[in-house]
């Protein structure tokens, strides 16, 4: 199946992931945030106290969580998988859940959970996503359940270092794709809603065209390091600064 758009190393598909996934090569990692069934796709979301209210219309894609069959298809699409909202789905036991502490003082959850099949311990990241207060001044509002780029980069960095190819079957506004561009991964993104597919293409195009001082970098606020892919990269920069 030919992608709808190809931007850099990103192959983007406008369509239903049930129909697209069987035609894609198996990837090293599935990193995705499926519908939870909490009605986030429609109506007004945000906090009036923080000036973040936005009306997302009357879409129905989040009326119900994805079913077990689609969940199985999603997990099977990669050697490894990281599924945000795993606490809403029938997932197997795992030693490694990801906990994203949003440092939230508003009306929404203090943290979000991602199920993984990674063989490591539970991991925690503190990354503020609190109305207008957002780590690294990240922009939001393109999608009602938009994740921060910094959180998706953190998740990518927890995958095996051999991870080169990544798929997001519920790509939304393309945050996973932007993170993959920054970290030098090949990305396959699938989104069925045309308006969000267009936003994904625009965001990824901007990221591909954006000059990067430190390629394949991300911020790790939980370790008080910003803009470095790994501890070894940070050590290399610190060493060079002392010369």
Foldseek 3Di string as FASTA:
>chain_A
DAAPDDAPLEGEHAAALVVVLVVDAQFAEEEEEFQLQPPLQAAWDADPVQVQIDGNHDDCRNNHTDAPVVVVSRCRSHPKYKYKPCVSYDDDDEQEKEWEQQCEPDDDDRITIIDINDPDHYYYAYFHDYRCDGPPSDDDDQGSPDDALQVLLVVVLPRPPPGAEYEYSDQFQASNVLLCQQQNHRYYYYHHDVSSSVNNVVSNNCSNPDDDPQGNFHQGVVVPGGTHSDPVRVVVVVVVVVD
